[in-house]
Amino acid sequence: MRRGVPDCDSPPCPVRPAPRAGRGGRTMTDGTRSGQAQDDIPSKGTAVVIGGGLAGITAALALADAGVRVTLLEGRPRLGGLAFSFQRGELTVDNGQHVYLRCCTAYRWFLDRIEGTALAPLQDRLDVPVLDLDKPEGRRLGRLRRDPLPVPLHLGRSLAAYPHLSLAERAKVGRAALALKGLDLADPSLDAQDFGSWLAAHGQSARAVEALWDLVGVATLNALAGDASLGLAAMVFKTGLLSDPGAADIGWAHVPLGELHDRLARKALDSAGVRTEVRTRVTSVSTNENGGWSVQVPGETLTADAVVLAVAQREAYDLLPAGALDAPENLLEIGTAPILNVHVVYDRTVLTKPFFAALGTPVQWVFDRTHASGLREGQYLALSQSAAQDEIDTPVAELRERYLPELDRLLPGARGAGVKDFFVTRERTATFAPTPGVGRLRPGARTKSPGLYLAGAWTATGWPATMESAVRSGVCAADAALSTLGRPRPRHLFEFEEAA
């Protein structure tokens, strides 16, 4: 719904807010900034970043802040990767609902770096309304929220009163949580196990998995417990719920994602002196006779001392030169998982909360996007449906017949309300699939080709495919490149407290 400094080829790879870049200006093709003569600029190294998602933007900013001359190339007409906005009539629509947690320190750095923190605020304190349609009306609401107490007491009262589990199930959840807290995330054997089997072995009923573990896990992992790596699931729950009392507080954009990941990101890149080119698809990446790199785009060849491939794993496979990875075919074995987003515009207000999660229904999470979309009358709700393999290709008419009655059942205010618009957005390859064994397939930032680096949420960040993972990967790639280029890191850029 995405410290000290470790080796960036080993997760996690963190960041702290970077100092603002000094001089701005647009970078020209030869690497100079407008208004400056090239002879006046000491050699600082050059880099090309391929891919304008969060990973690529982060890598470009981190490199530019260290004095590297950076060109960022993106094939789409916008930045932001898979977290973007588009226009539908007068509505500004996010392709899907994206959230982050307080423990997502890298994404929080990113928001700060692009001056967007105030536009995507965090809850003061975790509070998730959960509606169970299997309960009679008036008794459907439960809440997952925290108290200002140390871990694990911060969730104790909420769990003890959680009405969607029996008293015995609540007690067993507590014991499983303590066992989960004791797992060593560095143990590679966790990656080979599935989370569902581990939960069953620790006394978790099917109801407990549905009403608690999957409620959180599906939204963060994009997979049911039985399909998810224990290593990734343990990372999510240990970091989000069992590390710090406020770690799981939820944040989300109160403006369209394009305002953050495109407009403000591009402004930050311009101010840092990054040359940004959209609608520019890279056709090849190769070494040149000078020991550097050549990046071919239609009508132009760019040369650089370093290249960061910040694209999807299959595109990275196509662009990797021979010998860059020991087993490049591993990239093709990293599966993908879809997310379906259902968008409904009503003629009146039907939901008074900013969001809720649901049980006993196909509906998973529902968010109010009215204000962010610019809607002036009525209400716009967005349903985020993760692990949507069974529905990703379902026709819109059939989805309408399925989901509108479910919203009527969940929201009394929707009964009798007029539906002004109903549409869906589909991300068929929204994330990498967090299946058992995926950890061994995820490469680090460094390749065997000096000067070539990888970034993307699918690389070995230790996190599932989240905005946090994408930003961390960009930092890791920039860190590796700066080391090779002999450039000092920007002060404080790679230092922040462990979230886990």
Protein backbone atom coordinates (compact mmCIF):
# COMPACT_ATOMS: atom_id res chain seq x y z
CA MET A 1 0.00 0.00 0.00
CA ARG A 2 6.63 1.67 0.56
CA ARG A 3 21.78 4.26 10.76
CA GLY A 4 24.89 3.44 10.13
CA VAL A 5 25.81 2.56 6.58
CA PRO A 6 25.67 -1.12 5.60
CA ASP A 7 27.14 -2.50 2.40
CA CYS A 8 24.66 -1.38 -0.23
CA ASP A 9 24.76 -4.78 -1.88
CA SER A 10 23.23 -6.19 1.29
CA PRO A 11 19.84 -5.07 2.59
CA PRO A 12 18.86 -2.76 4.08
CA CYS A 13 20.44 0.31 2.42
CA PRO A 14 19.25 3.48 4.14
CA VAL A 15 19.34 7.25 3.74
CA ARG A 16 18.89 10.44 5.74
CA PRO A 17 17.71 13.73 4.23
CA ALA A 18 20.32 15.12 1.88
CA PRO A 19 21.51 18.70 1.91
CA ARG A 20 19.94 20.77 -0.80
CA ALA A 21 21.98 21.10 -3.96
CA GLY A 22 23.74 24.43 -4.30
CA ARG A 23 23.56 25.69 -7.87
CA GLY A 24 20.72 24.88 -10.21
CA GLY A 25 20.35 25.17 -13.96
CA ARG A 26 19.64 22.60 -16.64
CA THR A 27 22.44 20.24 -17.58
CA MET A 28 23.40 20.37 -21.24
CA THR A 29 24.30 17.40 -23.41
CA ASP A 30 28.01 17.78 -22.66
CA GLY A 31 27.39 17.79 -18.91
CA THR A 32 27.80 21.50 -18.29
CA ARG A 33 25.17 23.50 -16.50
CA SER A 34 23.57 26.33 -18.41
CA GLY A 35 25.30 29.62 -17.81
CA GLN A 36 28.65 27.96 -17.02
CA ALA A 37 31.60 27.19 -19.22
CA GLN A 38 32.75 23.61 -19.15
CA ASP A 39 36.36 24.70 -18.50
CA ASP A 40 35.22 26.34 -15.25
CA ILE A 41 33.90 23.09 -13.79
CA PRO A 42 36.29 20.59 -12.23
CA SER A 43 35.83 17.00 -13.39
CA LYS A 44 33.32 15.31 -11.11
CA GLY A 45 32.32 12.29 -13.16
CA THR A 46 29.27 11.74 -15.32
CA ALA A 47 26.37 9.32 -15.01
CA VAL A 48 23.34 8.28 -17.00
CA VAL A 49 20.33 6.97 -15.07
CA ILE A 50 17.92 4.93 -17.17
CA GLY A 51 14.40 4.94 -15.76
CA GLY A 52 12.42 7.77 -14.19
CA GLY A 53 10.55 5.90 -11.47
CA LEU A 54 11.28 6.45 -7.79
CA ALA A 55 14.46 4.37 -7.99
CA GLY A 56 15.85 6.34 -10.91
CA ILE A 57 14.85 9.74 -9.53
CA THR A 58 16.49 8.88 -6.21
CA ALA A 59 19.71 7.68 -7.84
CA ALA A 60 19.87 10.81 -9.99
CA LEU A 61 19.32 13.15 -7.05
CA ALA A 62 21.85 11.36 -4.85
CA LEU A 63 24.50 11.41 -7.58
CA ALA A 64 23.85 15.05 -8.46
CA ASP A 65 24.01 16.06 -4.80
CA ALA A 66 27.49 14.54 -4.74
CA GLY A 67 28.60 16.66 -7.68
CA VAL A 68 28.19 14.09 -10.45
CA ARG A 69 26.81 15.36 -13.75
CA VAL A 70 23.69 13.30 -14.35
CA THR A 71 21.37 12.65 -17.27
CA LEU A 72 18.07 10.91 -16.46
CA LEU A 73 16.28 9.11 -19.30
CA GLU A 74 12.65 7.97 -19.15
CA GLY A 75 10.66 6.35 -21.94
CA ARG A 76 7.28 7.53 -20.71
CA PRO A 77 6.08 11.13 -21.06
CA ARG A 78 6.28 11.58 -17.28
CA LEU A 79 8.26 10.61 -14.22
CA GLY A 80 6.99 8.45 -11.37
CA GLY A 81 7.10 4.92 -12.76
CA LEU A 82 4.15 2.88 -11.50
CA ALA A 83 3.02 5.52 -9.01
CA PHE A 84 1.50 8.19 -11.26
CA SER A 85 -1.62 10.20 -12.10
CA PHE A 86 -3.66 10.83 -15.22
CA GLN A 87 -6.65 12.92 -16.23
CA ARG A 88 -10.16 11.52 -16.66
CA GLY A 89 -12.36 14.44 -17.58
CA GLU A 90 -12.11 16.87 -14.68
CA LEU A 91 -10.72 14.22 -12.33
CA THR A 92 -7.03 13.76 -11.61
CA VAL A 93 -6.78 10.03 -10.99
CA ASP A 94 -3.97 8.05 -9.40
CA ASN A 95 -3.37 4.76 -11.18
CA GLY A 96 -3.68 3.09 -7.78
CA GLN A 97 -3.71 3.91 -4.10
CA HIS A 98 -0.21 4.07 -2.63
CA VAL A 99 0.55 4.41 1.07
CA TYR A 100 3.69 4.35 3.16
CA LEU A 101 4.47 3.85 6.84
CA ARG A 102 6.42 5.86 9.37
CA CYS A 103 9.11 3.16 9.24
CA CYS A 104 9.60 3.92 5.51
CA THR A 105 12.50 6.23 6.29
CA ALA A 106 13.90 6.19 2.75
CA TYR A 107 10.63 7.25 1.14
CA ARG A 108 10.26 9.91 3.83
CA TRP A 109 13.72 11.16 2.86
CA PHE A 110 12.55 11.26 -0.75
CA LEU A 111 9.49 13.33 0.16
CA ASP A 112 11.67 15.71 2.11
CA ARG A 113 14.20 15.95 -0.72
CA ILE A 114 11.53 16.97 -3.26
CA GLU A 115 9.82 19.23 -0.68
CA GLY A 116 6.66 17.14 -0.68
CA THR A 117 6.42 15.97 2.94
CA ALA A 118 3.52 18.26 3.82
CA LEU A 119 1.52 16.90 0.87
CA ALA A 120 1.69 13.28 2.07
CA PRO A 121 1.30 13.46 5.85
CA LEU A 122 1.36 10.57 8.29
CA GLN A 123 -1.36 9.68 10.77
CA ASP A 124 -0.67 10.97 14.26
CA ARG A 125 -1.21 7.41 15.43
CA LEU A 126 -2.03 4.15 13.64
CA ASP A 127 -5.79 3.72 13.32
CA VAL A 128 -7.32 1.34 10.77
CA PRO A 129 -11.11 0.82 10.74
CA VAL A 130 -11.94 -2.76 9.74
CA LEU A 131 -15.50 -3.63 8.67
CA ASP A 132 -16.59 -7.29 8.73
CA LEU A 133 -19.60 -8.02 6.52
CA ASP A 134 -20.13 -11.37 8.20
CA LYS A 135 -21.25 -9.52 11.32
CA PRO A 136 -24.70 -7.96 11.69
CA GLU A 137 -25.01 -4.24 11.09
CA GLY A 138 -24.06 -2.26 14.15
CA ARG A 139 -21.41 -4.80 15.14
CA ARG A 140 -19.24 -4.78 12.04
CA LEU A 141 -16.62 -2.22 13.03
CA GLY A 142 -13.31 -3.15 14.59
CA ARG A 143 -10.12 -1.13 14.77
CA LEU A 144 -6.42 -1.76 14.65
CA ARG A 145 -4.75 1.11 16.46
CA ARG A 146 -1.87 1.76 18.76
CA ASP A 147 -1.42 3.32 22.17
CA PRO A 148 1.54 5.50 23.27
CA LEU A 149 3.22 2.53 24.93
CA PRO A 150 6.45 0.63 24.19
CA VAL A 151 6.50 -2.38 21.84
CA PRO A 152 4.67 -4.77 22.06
CA LEU A 153 2.27 -3.16 24.54
CA HIS A 154 1.41 -0.47 21.99
CA LEU A 155 -0.94 -2.90 20.22
CA GLY A 156 -2.05 -4.85 23.28
CA ARG A 157 -5.32 -3.06 23.99
CA SER A 158 -6.29 -2.99 20.32
CA LEU A 159 -5.65 -6.70 19.88
CA ALA A 160 -7.43 -7.58 23.11
CA ALA A 161 -10.55 -5.73 21.92
CA TYR A 162 -10.37 -6.73 18.25
CA PRO A 163 -13.88 -8.12 17.62
CA HIS A 164 -13.04 -10.00 14.43
CA LEU A 165 -11.12 -12.72 16.31
CA SER A 166 -12.13 -14.93 19.20
CA LEU A 167 -10.45 -14.57 22.56
CA ALA A 168 -8.42 -17.72 21.93
CA GLU A 169 -7.37 -16.51 18.49
CA ARG A 170 -6.23 -13.19 19.93
CA ALA A 171 -4.06 -14.95 22.49
CA LYS A 172 -2.47 -17.11 19.80
CA VAL A 173 -1.83 -14.05 17.63
CA GLY A 174 0.18 -12.57 20.48
CA ARG A 175 2.30 -15.69 20.80
CA ALA A 176 2.90 -15.83 17.03
CA ALA A 177 3.92 -12.16 17.04
CA LEU A 178 6.53 -12.84 19.70
CA ALA A 179 7.84 -15.78 17.68
CA LEU A 180 7.96 -13.59 14.59
CA LYS A 181 9.88 -10.93 16.49
CA GLY A 182 12.49 -13.55 17.35
CA LEU A 183 13.23 -14.48 13.73
CA ASP A 184 16.61 -13.46 12.33
CA LEU A 185 15.99 -11.58 9.07
CA ALA A 186 19.55 -12.38 7.99
CA ASP A 187 18.77 -16.11 8.00
CA PRO A 188 18.58 -17.12 4.31
CA SER A 189 16.44 -20.15 5.14
CA LEU A 190 13.49 -17.83 5.83
CA ASP A 191 13.32 -16.98 2.14
CA ALA A 192 12.69 -20.62 1.22
CA GLN A 193 9.64 -20.98 3.51
CA ASP A 194 6.14 -19.66 2.93
CA PHE A 195 4.50 -17.42 5.50
CA GLY A 196 1.21 -19.32 5.53
CA SER A 197 2.81 -22.59 6.63
CA TRP A 198 4.75 -20.78 9.33
CA LEU A 199 1.56 -19.17 10.63
CA ALA A 200 -0.25 -22.52 10.69
CA ALA A 201 2.66 -24.07 12.57
CA HIS A 202 2.35 -21.30 15.13
CA GLY A 203 -1.32 -21.90 15.84
CA GLN A 204 -2.91 -19.35 13.53
CA SER A 205 -6.39 -20.30 12.35
CA ALA A 206 -7.66 -19.58 8.86
CA ARG A 207 -9.80 -16.84 10.40
CA ALA A 208 -6.79 -15.22 12.10
CA VAL A 209 -4.88 -15.26 8.82
CA GLU A 210 -7.79 -13.63 6.98
CA ALA A 211 -8.73 -11.07 9.63
CA LEU A 212 -5.26 -9.95 10.64
CA TRP A 213 -2.19 -11.36 8.92
CA ASP A 214 -3.51 -11.15 5.36
CA LEU A 215 -5.32 -7.90 6.08
CA VAL A 216 -1.89 -6.31 6.49
CA GLY A 217 0.20 -8.69 4.41
CA VAL A 218 -1.77 -8.63 1.18
CA ALA A 219 -1.62 -4.85 1.06
CA THR A 220 2.14 -4.71 1.71
CA LEU A 221 3.35 -7.90 0.02
CA ASN A 222 0.78 -8.16 -2.80
CA ALA A 223 0.37 -11.85 -1.98
CA LEU A 224 -1.59 -14.11 0.34
CA ALA A 225 0.33 -15.58 3.25
CA GLY A 226 0.59 -19.00 1.60
CA ASP A 227 2.19 -17.45 -1.49
CA ALA A 228 4.64 -15.16 0.30
CA SER A 229 8.21 -15.65 1.41
CA LEU A 230 8.51 -15.93 5.18
CA GLY A 231 11.60 -13.72 4.98
CA LEU A 232 9.74 -10.83 3.34
CA ALA A 233 6.66 -11.26 5.52
CA ALA A 234 8.77 -11.31 8.68
CA MET A 235 10.53 -8.17 7.52
CA VAL A 236 7.19 -6.38 7.01
CA PHE A 237 5.70 -7.35 10.37
CA LYS A 238 8.89 -6.97 12.42
CA THR A 239 9.68 -3.57 10.95
CA GLY A 240 6.14 -2.23 10.75
CA LEU A 241 4.53 -3.60 13.90
CA LEU A 242 7.25 -4.87 16.21
CA SER A 243 10.13 -2.39 15.98
CA ASP A 244 8.88 0.98 17.20
CA PRO A 245 5.46 2.07 18.52
CA GLY A 246 4.91 4.49 15.64
CA ALA A 247 6.46 2.42 12.87
CA ALA A 248 3.12 1.42 11.29
CA ASP A 249 1.49 4.85 11.28
CA ILE A 250 0.11 5.27 7.76
CA GLY A 251 0.83 8.10 5.35
CA TRP A 252 -0.60 8.79 1.91
CA ALA A 253 -0.63 11.56 -0.66
CA HIS A 254 -3.34 14.16 -0.18
CA VAL A 255 -2.61 15.39 -3.70
CA PRO A 256 -2.34 13.44 -6.95
CA LEU A 257 0.76 11.23 -7.08
CA GLY A 258 1.86 13.09 -10.19
CA GLU A 259 2.21 16.24 -8.11
CA LEU A 260 4.84 14.46 -6.02
CA HIS A 261 6.54 11.96 -8.29
CA ASP A 262 6.48 14.01 -11.48
CA ARG A 263 6.13 17.77 -10.91
CA LEU A 264 8.00 18.15 -7.62
CA ALA A 265 10.50 15.44 -8.51
CA ARG A 266 11.28 17.14 -11.81
CA LYS A 267 11.66 20.48 -10.04
CA ALA A 268 14.15 18.92 -7.61
CA LEU A 269 16.06 17.30 -10.47
CA ASP A 270 16.24 20.59 -12.36
CA SER A 271 17.47 22.41 -9.25
CA ALA A 272 20.17 19.77 -8.77
CA GLY A 273 21.35 20.28 -12.35
CA VAL A 274 20.13 16.94 -13.69
CA ARG A 275 19.33 16.79 -17.40
CA THR A 276 15.95 15.02 -17.57
CA GLU A 277 14.67 13.60 -20.84
CA VAL A 278 11.24 11.95 -21.08
CA ARG A 279 9.84 10.12 -24.10
CA THR A 280 13.38 8.84 -24.56
CA ARG A 281 13.75 5.09 -24.80
CA VAL A 282 17.19 3.52 -24.46
CA THR A 283 18.01 0.94 -27.12
CA SER A 284 21.40 -0.29 -25.90
CA VAL A 285 24.03 0.06 -23.19
CA SER A 286 27.64 -0.85 -23.91
CA THR A 287 31.21 -0.11 -22.92
CA ASN A 288 33.25 2.14 -25.16
CA GLU A 289 36.92 2.33 -26.16
CA ASN A 290 37.65 4.89 -23.43
CA GLY A 291 36.64 2.51 -20.67
CA GLY A 292 33.38 4.33 -20.06
CA TRP A 293 29.83 3.65 -21.11
CA SER A 294 27.76 4.46 -24.17
CA VAL A 295 23.99 4.72 -23.93
CA GLN A 296 22.16 4.69 -27.24
CA VAL A 297 18.88 6.53 -27.67
CA PRO A 298 17.20 7.43 -30.96
CA GLY A 299 19.35 10.02 -32.66
CA GLU A 300 21.96 10.33 -29.93
CA THR A 301 24.68 8.42 -28.10
CA LEU A 302 25.35 9.51 -24.52
CA THR A 303 28.66 8.73 -22.85
CA ALA A 304 29.18 8.43 -19.12
CA ASP A 305 31.51 7.14 -16.45
CA ALA A 306 28.63 5.32 -14.74
CA VAL A 307 25.23 3.97 -15.73
CA VAL A 308 22.34 3.09 -13.42
CA LEU A 309 19.70 0.76 -14.85
CA ALA A 310 16.58 1.70 -12.88
CA VAL A 311 13.99 -0.16 -14.95
CA ALA A 312 11.83 -3.26 -14.51
CA GLN A 313 13.72 -6.52 -14.23
CA ARG A 314 12.83 -7.78 -17.70
CA GLU A 315 13.84 -4.52 -19.32
CA ALA A 316 17.07 -4.61 -17.34
CA TYR A 317 17.69 -8.12 -18.67
CA ASP A 318 17.32 -6.85 -22.23
CA LEU A 319 19.76 -3.98 -21.68
CA LEU A 320 22.43 -5.76 -19.62
CA PRO A 321 25.66 -6.34 -21.55
CA ALA A 322 27.08 -9.84 -21.61
CA GLY A 323 28.87 -10.81 -18.41
CA ALA A 324 27.30 -8.12 -16.25
CA LEU A 325 25.65 -10.73 -13.99
CA ASP A 326 26.66 -14.32 -13.28
CA ALA A 327 23.11 -15.52 -13.88
CA PRO A 328 21.15 -12.84 -15.77
CA GLU A 329 18.39 -15.39 -16.42
CA ASN A 330 17.47 -15.03 -12.74
CA LEU A 331 15.87 -11.69 -13.61
CA LEU A 332 13.39 -13.48 -15.85
CA GLU A 333 12.51 -15.87 -13.03
CA ILE A 334 11.38 -13.05 -10.75
CA GLY A 335 7.62 -13.28 -11.15
CA THR A 336 5.18 -10.38 -11.16
CA ALA A 337 1.91 -9.81 -9.35
CA PRO A 338 -1.03 -7.61 -10.39
CA ILE A 339 -3.07 -4.98 -8.57
CA LEU A 340 -6.59 -4.04 -9.65
CA ASN A 341 -7.96 -0.61 -8.77
CA VAL A 342 -11.70 0.06 -8.84
CA HIS A 343 -12.80 3.70 -9.00
CA VAL A 344 -16.33 4.83 -8.12
CA VAL A 345 -17.71 8.37 -8.20
CA TYR A 346 -20.96 8.90 -6.26
CA ASP A 347 -23.31 11.85 -6.40
CA ARG A 348 -23.11 12.31 -2.63
CA THR A 349 -20.90 11.56 0.36
CA VAL A 350 -21.13 7.88 1.32
CA LEU A 351 -17.99 7.50 3.48
CA THR A 352 -17.02 9.80 6.35
CA LYS A 353 -13.60 8.25 7.08
CA PRO A 354 -10.48 8.66 4.93
CA PHE A 355 -10.18 4.89 4.44
CA PHE A 356 -11.11 1.48 5.79
CA ALA A 357 -10.31 -2.19 5.29
CA ALA A 358 -12.94 -4.89 4.83
CA LEU A 359 -13.52 -8.55 5.68
CA GLY A 360 -16.16 -11.00 4.46
CA THR A 361 -16.24 -9.38 1.02
CA PRO A 362 -14.08 -9.19 -2.10
CA VAL A 363 -13.40 -5.54 -1.20
CA GLN A 364 -10.00 -5.10 0.46
CA TRP A 365 -9.15 -1.43 1.13
CA VAL A 366 -11.23 1.65 0.27
CA PHE A 367 -9.88 5.22 0.19
CA ASP A 368 -11.62 8.57 -0.19
CA ARG A 369 -9.89 10.39 -3.08
CA THR A 370 -12.44 13.19 -3.46
CA HIS A 371 -10.29 16.15 -2.49
CA ALA A 372 -7.07 14.87 -4.08
CA SER A 373 -8.81 14.27 -7.41
CA GLY A 374 -10.30 17.76 -7.61
CA LEU A 375 -13.90 16.48 -7.51
CA ARG A 376 -16.21 19.31 -6.53
CA GLU A 377 -19.52 17.48 -5.97
CA GLY A 378 -20.19 14.01 -4.64
CA GLN A 379 -17.51 11.58 -3.51
CA TYR A 380 -14.81 9.56 -5.25
CA LEU A 381 -13.75 6.24 -3.71
CA ALA A 382 -10.82 4.11 -4.83
CA LEU A 383 -10.71 0.39 -4.05
CA SER A 384 -7.24 -1.16 -3.96
CA GLN A 385 -7.36 -4.87 -4.74
CA SER A 386 -4.00 -6.56 -4.30
CA ALA A 387 -3.04 -10.11 -5.34
CA ALA A 388 -5.69 -9.73 -8.04
CA GLN A 389 -4.63 -12.56 -10.34
CA ASP A 390 -8.21 -13.85 -10.60
CA GLU A 391 -9.70 -10.47 -11.51
CA ILE A 392 -7.06 -8.53 -13.38
CA ASP A 393 -8.61 -9.27 -16.80
CA THR A 394 -12.27 -9.27 -15.71
CA PRO A 395 -14.41 -6.95 -17.89
CA VAL A 396 -15.43 -3.63 -16.37
CA ALA A 397 -19.15 -4.46 -16.58
CA GLU A 398 -18.63 -7.62 -14.56
CA LEU A 399 -16.54 -5.79 -11.97
CA ARG A 400 -19.28 -3.18 -11.68
CA GLU A 401 -21.86 -5.89 -10.98
CA ARG A 402 -19.58 -7.40 -8.36
CA TYR A 403 -18.30 -4.37 -6.47
CA LEU A 404 -21.16 -1.87 -6.37
CA PRO A 405 -23.42 -4.23 -4.38
CA GLU A 406 -20.51 -4.92 -2.00
CA LEU A 407 -20.07 -1.20 -1.39
CA ASP A 408 -23.81 -0.93 -0.74
CA ARG A 409 -23.46 -3.66 1.88
CA LEU A 410 -20.43 -1.99 3.49
CA LEU A 411 -21.63 1.61 3.36
CA PRO A 412 -25.26 2.34 4.18
CA GLY A 413 -24.84 5.78 2.63
CA ALA A 414 -24.11 4.20 -0.75
CA ARG A 415 -27.54 2.58 -0.90
CA GLY A 416 -29.62 4.72 -3.17
CA ALA A 417 -26.72 7.01 -4.06
CA GLY A 418 -26.23 7.69 -7.75
CA VAL A 419 -23.10 6.33 -9.42
CA LYS A 420 -21.76 9.05 -11.70
CA ASP A 421 -18.74 7.09 -12.90
CA PHE A 422 -17.24 3.63 -12.55
CA PHE A 423 -13.92 2.63 -14.06
CA VAL A 424 -10.91 0.46 -13.33
CA THR A 425 -7.16 0.72 -13.68
CA ARG A 426 -5.07 -2.41 -14.02
CA GLU A 427 -1.41 -2.85 -13.20
CA ARG A 428 -0.70 -6.36 -14.46
CA THR A 429 2.92 -6.25 -13.35
CA ALA A 430 2.47 -3.93 -10.38
CA THR A 431 5.09 -5.61 -8.21
CA PHE A 432 7.48 -8.49 -8.22
CA ALA A 433 5.89 -11.61 -6.75
CA PRO A 434 7.24 -12.15 -3.20
CA THR A 435 7.22 -15.94 -3.56
CA PRO A 436 9.42 -18.25 -1.47
CA GLY A 437 12.87 -18.33 -3.02
CA VAL A 438 12.67 -14.91 -4.67
CA GLY A 439 15.43 -13.59 -2.44
CA ARG A 440 18.10 -15.62 -4.21
CA LEU A 441 17.00 -14.12 -7.54
CA ARG A 442 17.21 -10.46 -6.53
CA PRO A 443 20.57 -8.92 -7.47
CA GLY A 444 22.39 -6.23 -5.55
CA ALA A 445 23.22 -2.79 -6.90
CA ARG A 446 26.64 -3.74 -8.26
CA THR A 447 27.18 -5.73 -11.41
CA LYS A 448 30.35 -7.44 -12.65
CA SER A 449 30.75 -4.64 -15.19
CA PRO A 450 32.57 -1.74 -13.50
CA GLY A 451 30.48 1.40 -13.69
CA LEU A 452 27.14 -0.36 -14.27
CA TYR A 453 24.61 -0.52 -11.44
CA LEU A 454 21.07 -1.77 -10.90
CA ALA A 455 18.17 -0.10 -9.11
CA GLY A 456 14.51 -0.94 -8.71
CA ALA A 457 12.17 -2.23 -6.03
CA TRP A 458 12.95 -5.75 -7.29
CA THR A 459 16.64 -5.56 -6.39
CA ALA A 460 18.05 -6.87 -3.10
CA THR A 461 16.83 -4.19 -0.71
CA GLY A 462 15.38 -6.59 1.84
CA TRP A 463 11.94 -5.01 1.35
CA PRO A 464 8.98 -6.16 -0.72
CA ALA A 465 8.00 -4.20 -3.83
CA THR A 466 7.09 -0.88 -2.24
CA MET A 467 7.93 2.77 -2.77
CA GLU A 468 10.34 2.34 0.13
CA SER A 469 12.16 -0.46 -1.65
CA ALA A 470 12.41 1.60 -4.84
CA VAL A 471 13.96 4.58 -3.07
CA ARG A 472 16.36 2.38 -1.09
CA SER A 473 17.51 0.75 -4.30
CA GLY A 474 18.25 4.13 -5.85
CA VAL A 475 20.35 5.08 -2.84
CA CYS A 476 22.23 1.78 -3.01
CA ALA A 477 23.01 2.25 -6.70
CA ALA A 478 24.15 5.84 -6.17
CA ASP A 479 26.32 4.80 -3.23
CA ALA A 480 28.00 2.10 -5.30
CA ALA A 481 28.56 4.50 -8.19
CA LEU A 482 30.00 7.21 -5.97
CA SER A 483 32.43 4.72 -4.51
CA THR A 484 33.66 3.77 -7.98
CA LEU A 485 33.83 7.39 -9.11
CA GLY A 486 35.78 8.36 -6.03
CA ARG A 487 33.18 10.93 -5.06
CA PRO A 488 32.39 11.60 -1.39
CA ARG A 489 28.85 10.93 -0.30
CA PRO A 490 26.73 13.99 0.42
CA ARG A 491 26.88 14.53 4.14
CA HIS A 492 24.08 12.77 6.03
CA LEU A 493 22.65 11.27 2.83
CA PHE A 494 23.31 7.66 3.81
CA GLU A 495 22.84 7.86 7.57
CA PHE A 496 19.62 7.21 9.44
CA GLU A 497 18.34 5.07 12.26
CA GLU A 498 17.37 1.48 11.62
CA ALA A 499 13.62 1.09 11.37
CA ALA A 500 13.85 -2.57 12.28
